[in-house]
Amino acid sequence: MSHQLPARGIVGDGLIDLGPDGVAAVAEVSTVSFALRTPDEQDVLAAVFGRWLTSLSGPVQTLVRAARSAPRRRRRRSPSPART
């Protein structure tokens, strides 16, 4: 069974008009290296995310994707020919 978003159009500010069901927004965000942050920075990031969650007045769907990146291969330098 396929579910489709009942979009009626895009509103001027970029929101998706869902008719009687309201509006939807799509956001693409980049990663935040939480583990590499200082404890103070981690506290701030967690607080900001908490404030965003608290501000929501309706349901939210969050999609998180994680992909392993292929390590870069280093080119080996060929040994220089011996000078005579």
PDB file of N, CA and C in Angstrom:
ATOM      1  N   MET A   1       0.834  -1.164   0.000  1.00  0.00           N
ATOM      2  CA  MET A   1       0.000   0.000   0.000  1.00  0.00           C
ATOM      3  C   MET A   1       0.890   1.242   0.000  1.00  0.00           C
ATOM      4  N   SER A   2       0.605   2.158  -0.884  1.00  0.00           N
ATOM      5  CA  SER A   2       1.411   3.368  -1.032  1.00  0.00           C
ATOM      6  C   SER A   2       0.693   4.550  -0.393  1.00  0.00           C
ATOM      7  N   HIS A   3       1.431   5.308   0.427  1.00  0.00           N
ATOM      8  CA  HIS A   3       0.880   6.521   1.017  1.00  0.00           C
ATOM      9  C   HIS A   3       1.556   7.710   0.361  1.00  0.00           C
ATOM     10  N   GLN A   4       0.758   8.652  -0.053  1.00  0.00           N
ATOM     11  CA  GLN A   4       1.304   9.853  -0.659  1.00  0.00           C
ATOM     12  C   GLN A   4       0.888  11.058   0.164  1.00  0.00           C
ATOM     13  N   LEU A   5       1.750  12.031   0.198  1.00  0.00           N
ATOM     14  CA  LEU A   5       1.463  13.266   0.890  1.00  0.00           C
ATOM     15  C   LEU A   5       0.366  13.995   0.115  1.00  0.00           C
ATOM     16  N   PRO A   6      -0.737  14.356   0.775  1.00  0.00           N
ATOM     17  CA  PRO A   6      -1.843  15.007   0.056  1.00  0.00           C
ATOM     18  C   PRO A   6      -1.571  16.491  -0.194  1.00  0.00           C
ATOM     19  N   ALA A   7      -0.499  16.765  -0.907  1.00  0.00           N
ATOM     20  CA  ALA A   7      -0.105  18.153  -1.139  1.00  0.00           C
ATOM     21  C   ALA A   7      -1.000  18.812  -2.175  1.00  0.00           C
ATOM     22  N   ARG A   8      -1.372  20.025  -1.866  1.00  0.00           N
ATOM     23  CA  ARG A   8      -2.171  20.804  -2.813  1.00  0.00           C
ATOM     24  C   ARG A   8      -1.328  21.849  -3.520  1.00  0.00           C
ATOM     25  N   GLY A   9      -0.153  22.120  -2.977  1.00  0.00           N
ATOM     26  CA  GLY A   9       0.715  23.120  -3.580  1.00  0.00           C
ATOM     27  C   GLY A   9       1.758  23.591  -2.596  1.00  0.00           C
ATOM     28  N   ILE A  10       2.612  24.470  -3.079  1.00  0.00           N
ATOM     29  CA  ILE A  10       3.662  25.056  -2.257  1.00  0.00           C
ATOM     30  C   ILE A  10       3.273  26.496  -1.957  1.00  0.00           C
ATOM     31  N   VAL A  11       3.256  26.836  -0.678  1.00  0.00           N
ATOM     32  CA  VAL A  11       2.910  28.187  -0.249  1.00  0.00           C
ATOM     33  C   VAL A  11       4.138  29.068  -0.447  1.00  0.00           C
ATOM     34  N   GLY A  12       3.947  30.366  -0.540  1.00  0.00           N
ATOM     35  CA  GLY A  12       5.026  31.311  -0.812  1.00  0.00           C
ATOM     36  C   GLY A  12       6.250  31.188   0.071  1.00  0.00           C
ATOM     37  N   ASP A  13       6.082  30.805   1.323  1.00  0.00           N
ATOM     38  CA  ASP A  13       7.231  30.707   2.225  1.00  0.00           C
ATOM     39  C   ASP A  13       7.886  29.331   2.194  1.00  0.00           C
ATOM     40  N   GLY A  14       7.503  28.485   1.228  1.00  0.00           N
ATOM     41  CA  GLY A  14       8.136  27.184   1.064  1.00  0.00           C
ATOM     42  C   GLY A  14       7.437  26.042   1.770  1.00  0.00           C
ATOM     43  N   LEU A  15       6.398  26.325   2.539  1.00  0.00           N
ATOM     44  CA  LEU A  15       5.654  25.258   3.201  1.00  0.00           C
ATOM     45  C   LEU A  15       4.772  24.526   2.198  1.00  0.00           C
ATOM     46  N   ILE A  16       4.517  23.277   2.476  1.00  0.00           N
ATOM     47  CA  ILE A  16       3.666  22.457   1.605  1.00  0.00           C
ATOM     48  C   ILE A  16       2.238  22.537   2.131  1.00  0.00           C
ATOM     49  N   ASP A  17       1.321  22.990   1.292  1.00  0.00           N
ATOM     50  CA  ASP A  17      -0.089  23.136   1.665  1.00  0.00           C
ATOM     51  C   ASP A  17      -0.755  21.766   1.618  1.00  0.00           C
ATOM     52  N   LEU A  18      -1.262  21.319   2.770  1.00  0.00           N
ATOM     53  CA  LEU A  18      -1.938  20.030   2.858  1.00  0.00           C
ATOM     54  C   LEU A  18      -3.454  20.185   2.928  1.00  0.00           C
ATOM     55  N   GLY A  19      -3.943  21.349   2.544  1.00  0.00           N
ATOM     56  CA  GLY A  19      -5.388  21.572   2.572  1.00  0.00           C
ATOM     57  C   GLY A  19      -5.902  21.561   3.998  1.00  0.00           C
ATOM     58  N   PRO A  20      -6.984  20.806   4.272  1.00  0.00           N
ATOM     59  CA  PRO A  20      -7.565  20.799   5.616  1.00  0.00           C
ATOM     60  C   PRO A  20      -6.655  20.170   6.677  1.00  0.00           C
ATOM     61  N   ASP A  21      -5.610  19.475   6.243  1.00  0.00           N
ATOM     62  CA  ASP A  21      -4.687  18.842   7.189  1.00  0.00           C
ATOM     63  C   ASP A  21      -3.574  19.778   7.644  1.00  0.00           C
ATOM     64  N   GLY A  22      -3.531  21.010   7.148  1.00  0.00           N
ATOM     65  CA  GLY A  22      -2.526  21.974   7.585  1.00  0.00           C
ATOM     66  C   GLY A  22      -1.407  22.149   6.592  1.00  0.00           C
ATOM     67  N   VAL A  23      -0.203  22.254   7.090  1.00  0.00           N
ATOM     68  CA  VAL A  23       0.976  22.456   6.251  1.00  0.00           C
ATOM     69  C   VAL A  23       2.075  21.511   6.706  1.00  0.00           C
ATOM     70  N   ALA A  24       3.040  21.307   5.829  1.00  0.00           N
ATOM     71  CA  ALA A  24       4.212  20.484   6.158  1.00  0.00           C
ATOM     72  C   ALA A  24       5.448  21.243   5.713  1.00  0.00           C
ATOM     73  N   ALA A  25       6.550  20.981   6.375  1.00  0.00           N
ATOM     74  CA  ALA A  25       7.823  21.587   6.019  1.00  0.00           C
ATOM     75  C   ALA A  25       8.852  20.479   5.866  1.00  0.00           C
ATOM     76  N   VAL A  26       9.754  20.650   4.942  1.00  0.00           N
ATOM     77  CA  VAL A  26      10.840  19.697   4.733  1.00  0.00           C
ATOM     78  C   VAL A  26      12.141  20.451   4.961  1.00  0.00           C
ATOM     79  N   ALA A  27      13.020  19.868   5.741  1.00  0.00           N
ATOM     80  CA  ALA A  27      14.304  20.503   6.016  1.00  0.00           C
ATOM     81  C   ALA A  27      15.416  19.482   5.838  1.00  0.00           C
ATOM     82  N   GLU A  28      16.476  19.900   5.230  1.00  0.00           N
ATOM     83  CA  GLU A  28      17.667  19.065   5.118  1.00  0.00           C
ATOM     84  C   GLU A  28      18.745  19.743   5.950  1.00  0.00           C
ATOM     85  N   VAL A  29      19.332  18.989   6.846  1.00  0.00           N
ATOM     86  CA  VAL A  29      20.337  19.558   7.729  1.00  0.00           C
ATOM     87  C   VAL A  29      21.619  18.745   7.643  1.00  0.00           C
ATOM     88  N   SER A  30      22.697  19.366   8.046  1.00  0.00           N
ATOM     89  CA  SER A  30      23.984  18.670   8.025  1.00  0.00           C
ATOM     90  C   SER A  30      24.240  18.037   9.396  1.00  0.00           C
ATOM     91  N   THR A  31      25.290  17.305   9.475  1.00  0.00           N
ATOM     92  CA  THR A  31      25.621  16.614  10.714  1.00  0.00           C
ATOM     93  C   THR A  31      26.298  17.539  11.714  1.00  0.00           C
ATOM     94  N   VAL A  32      26.224  17.147  12.964  1.00  0.00           N
ATOM     95  CA  VAL A  32      26.929  17.831  14.042  1.00  0.00           C
ATOM     96  C   VAL A  32      27.727  16.763  14.762  1.00  0.00           C
ATOM     97  N   SER A  33      29.006  16.951  14.844  1.00  0.00           N
ATOM     98  CA  SER A  33      29.861  15.977  15.516  1.00  0.00           C
ATOM     99  C   SER A  33      29.770  16.196  17.021  1.00  0.00           C
ATOM    100  N   PHE A  34      28.744  15.616  17.623  1.00  0.00           N
ATOM    101  CA  PHE A  34      28.442  15.818  19.037  1.00  0.00           C
ATOM    102  C   PHE A  34      29.579  15.328  19.931  1.00  0.00           C
ATOM    103  N   ALA A  35      30.117  14.159  19.621  1.00  0.00           N
ATOM    104  CA  ALA A  35      31.151  13.552  20.472  1.00  0.00           C
ATOM    105  C   ALA A  35      32.437  14.376  20.493  1.00  0.00           C
ATOM    106  N   LEU A  36      32.678  15.148  19.449  1.00  0.00           N
ATOM    107  CA  LEU A  36      33.907  15.942  19.387  1.00  0.00           C
ATOM    108  C   LEU A  36      33.748  17.326  20.018  1.00  0.00           C
ATOM    109  N   ARG A  37      32.574  17.628  20.507  1.00  0.00           N
ATOM    110  CA  ARG A  37      32.319  18.932  21.144  1.00  0.00           C
ATOM    111  C   ARG A  37      32.725  18.906  22.612  1.00  0.00           C
ATOM    112  N   THR A  38      32.982  20.075  23.155  1.00  0.00           N
ATOM    113  CA  THR A  38      33.280  20.173  24.581  1.00  0.00           C
ATOM    114  C   THR A  38      31.987  19.907  25.360  1.00  0.00           C
ATOM    115  N   PRO A  39      32.089  19.571  26.632  1.00  0.00           N
ATOM    116  CA  PRO A  39      30.872  19.365  27.427  1.00  0.00           C
ATOM    117  C   PRO A  39      29.931  20.573  27.415  1.00  0.00           C
ATOM    118  N   ASP A  40      30.479  21.786  27.467  1.00  0.00           N
ATOM    119  CA  ASP A  40      29.626  22.983  27.406  1.00  0.00           C
ATOM    120  C   ASP A  40      28.899  23.082  26.067  1.00  0.00           C
ATOM    121  N   GLU A  41      29.601  22.801  24.981  1.00  0.00           N
ATOM    122  CA  GLU A  41      28.969  22.838  23.654  1.00  0.00           C
ATOM    123  C   GLU A  41      27.908  21.754  23.525  1.00  0.00           C
ATOM    124  N   GLN A  42      28.165  20.578  24.095  1.00  0.00           N
ATOM    125  CA  GLN A  42      27.174  19.503  24.074  1.00  0.00           C
ATOM    126  C   GLN A  42      25.913  19.922  24.827  1.00  0.00           C
ATOM    127  N   ASP A  43      26.092  20.586  25.969  1.00  0.00           N
ATOM    128  CA  ASP A  43      24.942  21.067  26.742  1.00  0.00           C
ATOM    129  C   ASP A  43      24.105  22.049  25.925  1.00  0.00           C
ATOM    130  N   VAL A  44      24.782  22.961  25.219  1.00  0.00           N
ATOM    131  CA  VAL A  44      24.072  23.955  24.407  1.00  0.00           C
ATOM    132  C   VAL A  44      23.309  23.267  23.276  1.00  0.00           C
ATOM    133  N   LEU A  45      23.956  22.327  22.575  1.00  0.00           N
ATOM    134  CA  LEU A  45      23.283  21.619  21.482  1.00  0.00           C
ATOM    135  C   LEU A  45      22.062  20.856  21.988  1.00  0.00           C
ATOM    136  N   ALA A  46      22.195  20.161  23.109  1.00  0.00           N
ATOM    137  CA  ALA A  46      21.072  19.411  23.671  1.00  0.00           C
ATOM    138  C   ALA A  46      19.939  20.353  24.096  1.00  0.00           C
ATOM    139  N   ALA A  47      20.300  21.498  24.658  1.00  0.00           N
ATOM    140  CA  ALA A  47      19.288  22.471  25.088  1.00  0.00           C
ATOM    141  C   ALA A  47      18.533  23.045  23.893  1.00  0.00           C
ATOM    142  N   VAL A  48      19.249  23.381  22.835  1.00  0.00           N
ATOM    143  CA  VAL A  48      18.602  23.934  21.633  1.00  0.00           C
ATOM    144  C   VAL A  48      17.657  22.905  21.016  1.00  0.00           C
ATOM    145  N   PHE A  49      18.097  21.659  20.928  1.00  0.00           N
ATOM    146  CA  PHE A  49      17.241  20.610  20.387  1.00  0.00           C
ATOM    147  C   PHE A  49      16.011  20.424  21.277  1.00  0.00           C
ATOM    148  N   GLY A  50      16.200  20.462  22.590  1.00  0.00           N
ATOM    149  CA  GLY A  50      15.074  20.352  23.512  1.00  0.00           C
ATOM    150  C   GLY A  50      14.078  21.482  23.353  1.00  0.00           C
ATOM    151  N   ARG A  51      14.587  22.713  23.171  1.00  0.00           N
ATOM    152  CA  ARG A  51      13.688  23.857  22.960  1.00  0.00           C
ATOM    153  C   ARG A  51      12.911  23.703  21.661  1.00  0.00           C
ATOM    154  N   TRP A  52      13.569  23.191  20.619  1.00  0.00           N
ATOM    155  CA  TRP A  52      12.861  22.965  19.354  1.00  0.00           C
ATOM    156  C   TRP A  52      11.744  21.946  19.549  1.00  0.00           C
ATOM    157  N   LEU A  53      12.049  20.840  20.229  1.00  0.00           N
ATOM    158  CA  LEU A  53      11.023  19.819  20.472  1.00  0.00           C
ATOM    159  C   LEU A  53       9.862  20.387  21.281  1.00  0.00           C
ATOM    160  N   THR A  54      10.157  21.202  22.276  1.00  0.00           N
ATOM    161  CA  THR A  54       9.123  21.799  23.114  1.00  0.00           C
ATOM    162  C   THR A  54       8.251  22.769  22.326  1.00  0.00           C
ATOM    163  N   SER A  55       8.824  23.400  21.312  1.00  0.00           N
ATOM    164  CA  SER A  55       8.081  24.397  20.538  1.00  0.00           C
ATOM    165  C   SER A  55       7.096  23.781  19.549  1.00  0.00           C
ATOM    166  N   LEU A  56       7.209  22.503  19.299  1.00  0.00           N
ATOM    167  CA  LEU A  56       6.355  21.867  18.297  1.00  0.00           C
ATOM    168  C   LEU A  56       4.910  21.824  18.758  1.00  0.00           C
ATOM    169  N   SER A  57       4.012  22.114  17.825  1.00  0.00           N
ATOM    170  CA  SER A  57       2.585  22.091  18.166  1.00  0.00           C
ATOM    171  C   SER A  57       1.849  20.965  17.448  1.00  0.00           C
ATOM    172  N   GLY A  58       2.591  20.151  16.726  1.00  0.00           N
ATOM    173  CA  GLY A  58       1.966  19.046  15.993  1.00  0.00           C
ATOM    174  C   GLY A  58       2.959  17.917  15.818  1.00  0.00           C
ATOM    175  N   PRO A  59       2.528  16.871  15.140  1.00  0.00           N
ATOM    176  CA  PRO A  59       3.404  15.715  14.950  1.00  0.00           C
ATOM    177  C   PRO A  59       4.593  16.030  14.036  1.00  0.00           C
ATOM    178  N   VAL A  60       5.675  15.319  14.277  1.00  0.00           N
ATOM    179  CA  VAL A  60       6.896  15.503  13.492  1.00  0.00           C
ATOM    180  C   VAL A  60       7.414  14.134  13.094  1.00  0.00           C
ATOM    181  N   GLN A  61       7.891  14.032  11.890  1.00  0.00           N
ATOM    182  CA  GLN A  61       8.551  12.810  11.436  1.00  0.00           C
ATOM    183  C   GLN A  61       9.996  13.163  11.146  1.00  0.00           C
ATOM    184  N   THR A  62      10.910  12.406  11.725  1.00  0.00           N
ATOM    185  CA  THR A  62      12.334  12.660  11.544  1.00  0.00           C
ATOM    186  C   THR A  62      12.965  11.454  10.882  1.00  0.00           C
ATOM    187  N   LEU A  63      13.714  11.684   9.836  1.00  0.00           N
ATOM    188  CA  LEU A  63      14.431  10.626   9.134  1.00  0.00           C
ATOM    189  C   LEU A  63      15.921  10.866   9.339  1.00  0.00           C
ATOM    190  N   VAL A  64      16.580   9.870   9.863  1.00  0.00           N
ATOM    191  CA  VAL A  64      18.021   9.952  10.086  1.00  0.00           C
ATOM    192  C   VAL A  64      18.678   8.897   9.219  1.00  0.00           C
ATOM    193  N   ARG A  65      19.635   9.302   8.443  1.00  0.00           N
ATOM    194  CA  ARG A  65      20.376   8.363   7.608  1.00  0.00           C
ATOM    195  C   ARG A  65      21.830   8.358   8.027  1.00  0.00           C
ATOM    196  N   ALA A  66      22.368   7.176   8.095  1.00  0.00           N
ATOM    197  CA  ALA A  66      23.789   7.038   8.395  1.00  0.00           C
ATOM    198  C   ALA A  66      24.391   6.141   7.325  1.00  0.00           C
ATOM    199  N   ALA A  67      25.492   6.557   6.794  1.00  0.00           N
ATOM    200  CA  ALA A  67      26.163   5.776   5.755  1.00  0.00           C
ATOM    201  C   ALA A  67      27.646   5.732   6.058  1.00  0.00           C
ATOM    202  N   ARG A  68      28.192   4.574   5.920  1.00  0.00           N
ATOM    203  CA  ARG A  68      29.624   4.421   6.114  1.00  0.00           C
ATOM    204  C   ARG A  68      30.324   5.001   4.896  1.00  0.00           C
ATOM    205  N   SER A  69      31.279   5.839   5.140  1.00  0.00           N
ATOM    206  CA  SER A  69      32.007   6.409   4.011  1.00  0.00           C
ATOM    207  C   SER A  69      33.238   5.553   3.737  1.00  0.00           C
ATOM    208  N   ALA A  70      33.541   5.420   2.480  1.00  0.00           N
ATOM    209  CA  ALA A  70      34.696   4.616   2.081  1.00  0.00           C
ATOM    210  C   ALA A  70      35.976   5.373   2.420  1.00  0.00           C
ATOM    211  N   PRO A  71      36.929   4.689   3.037  1.00  0.00           N
ATOM    212  CA  PRO A  71      38.192   5.380   3.339  1.00  0.00           C
ATOM    213  C   PRO A  71      38.918   5.746   2.055  1.00  0.00           C
ATOM    214  N   ARG A  72      39.583   6.860   2.101  1.00  0.00           N
ATOM    215  CA  ARG A  72      40.359   7.277   0.929  1.00  0.00           C
ATOM    216  C   ARG A  72      41.610   6.426   0.823  1.00  0.00           C
ATOM    217  N   ARG A  73      41.907   6.057  -0.367  1.00  0.00           N
ATOM    218  CA  ARG A  73      43.136   5.306  -0.590  1.00  0.00           C
ATOM    219  C   ARG A  73      44.268   6.272  -0.863  1.00  0.00           C
ATOM    220  N   ARG A  74      45.357   6.035  -0.195  1.00  0.00           N
ATOM    221  CA  ARG A  74      46.534   6.868  -0.446  1.00  0.00           C
ATOM    222  C   ARG A  74      47.348   6.224  -1.539  1.00  0.00           C
ATOM    223  N   ARG A  75      47.803   7.057  -2.410  1.00  0.00           N
ATOM    224  CA  ARG A  75      48.668   6.535  -3.471  1.00  0.00           C
ATOM    225  C   ARG A  75      50.057   6.340  -2.908  1.00  0.00           C
ATOM    226  N   ARG A  76      50.576   5.185  -3.155  1.00  0.00           N
ATOM    227  CA  ARG A  76      51.947   4.917  -2.711  1.00  0.00           C
ATOM    228  C   ARG A  76      52.916   5.556  -3.679  1.00  0.00           C
ATOM    229  N   ARG A  77      53.916   6.135  -3.109  1.00  0.00           N
ATOM    230  CA  ARG A  77      54.969   6.688  -3.962  1.00  0.00           C
ATOM    231  C   ARG A  77      55.874   5.544  -4.373  1.00  0.00           C
ATOM    232  N   SER A  78      56.164   5.530  -5.627  1.00  0.00           N
ATOM    233  CA  SER A  78      57.111   4.493  -6.067  1.00  0.00           C
ATOM    234  C   SER A  78      58.511   4.925  -5.654  1.00  0.00           C
ATOM    235  N   PRO A  79      59.318   3.966  -5.251  1.00  0.00           N
ATOM    236  CA  PRO A  79      60.675   4.329  -4.806  1.00  0.00           C
ATOM    237  C   PRO A  79      61.457   5.003  -5.934  1.00  0.00           C
ATOM    238  N   SER A  80      62.210   5.996  -5.537  1.00  0.00           N
ATOM    239  CA  SER A  80      63.034   6.705  -6.517  1.00  0.00           C
ATOM    240  C   SER A  80      64.129   5.761  -7.017  1.00  0.00           C
ATOM    241  N   PRO A  81      64.457   5.861  -8.285  1.00  0.00           N
ATOM    242  CA  PRO A  81      65.539   5.024  -8.787  1.00  0.00           C
ATOM    243  C   PRO A  81      66.864   5.405  -8.112  1.00  0.00           C
ATOM    244  N   ALA A  82      67.633   4.399  -7.830  1.00  0.00           N
ATOM    245  CA  ALA A  82      68.926   4.644  -7.160  1.00  0.00           C
ATOM    246  C   ALA A  82      69.817   5.466  -8.074  1.00  0.00           C
ATOM    247  N   ARG A  83      70.455   6.448  -7.489  1.00  0.00           N
ATOM    248  CA  ARG A  83      71.365   7.289  -8.277  1.00  0.00           C
ATOM    249  C   ARG A  83      72.770   6.689  -8.214  1.00  0.00           C
ATOM    250  N   THR A  84      73.397   6.669  -9.289  1.00  0.00           N
ATOM    251  CA  THR A  84      74.762   6.137  -9.310  1.00  0.00           C
ATOM    252  C   THR A  84      75.760   7.200  -9.680  1.00  0.00           C
TER     253      THR A  84
END
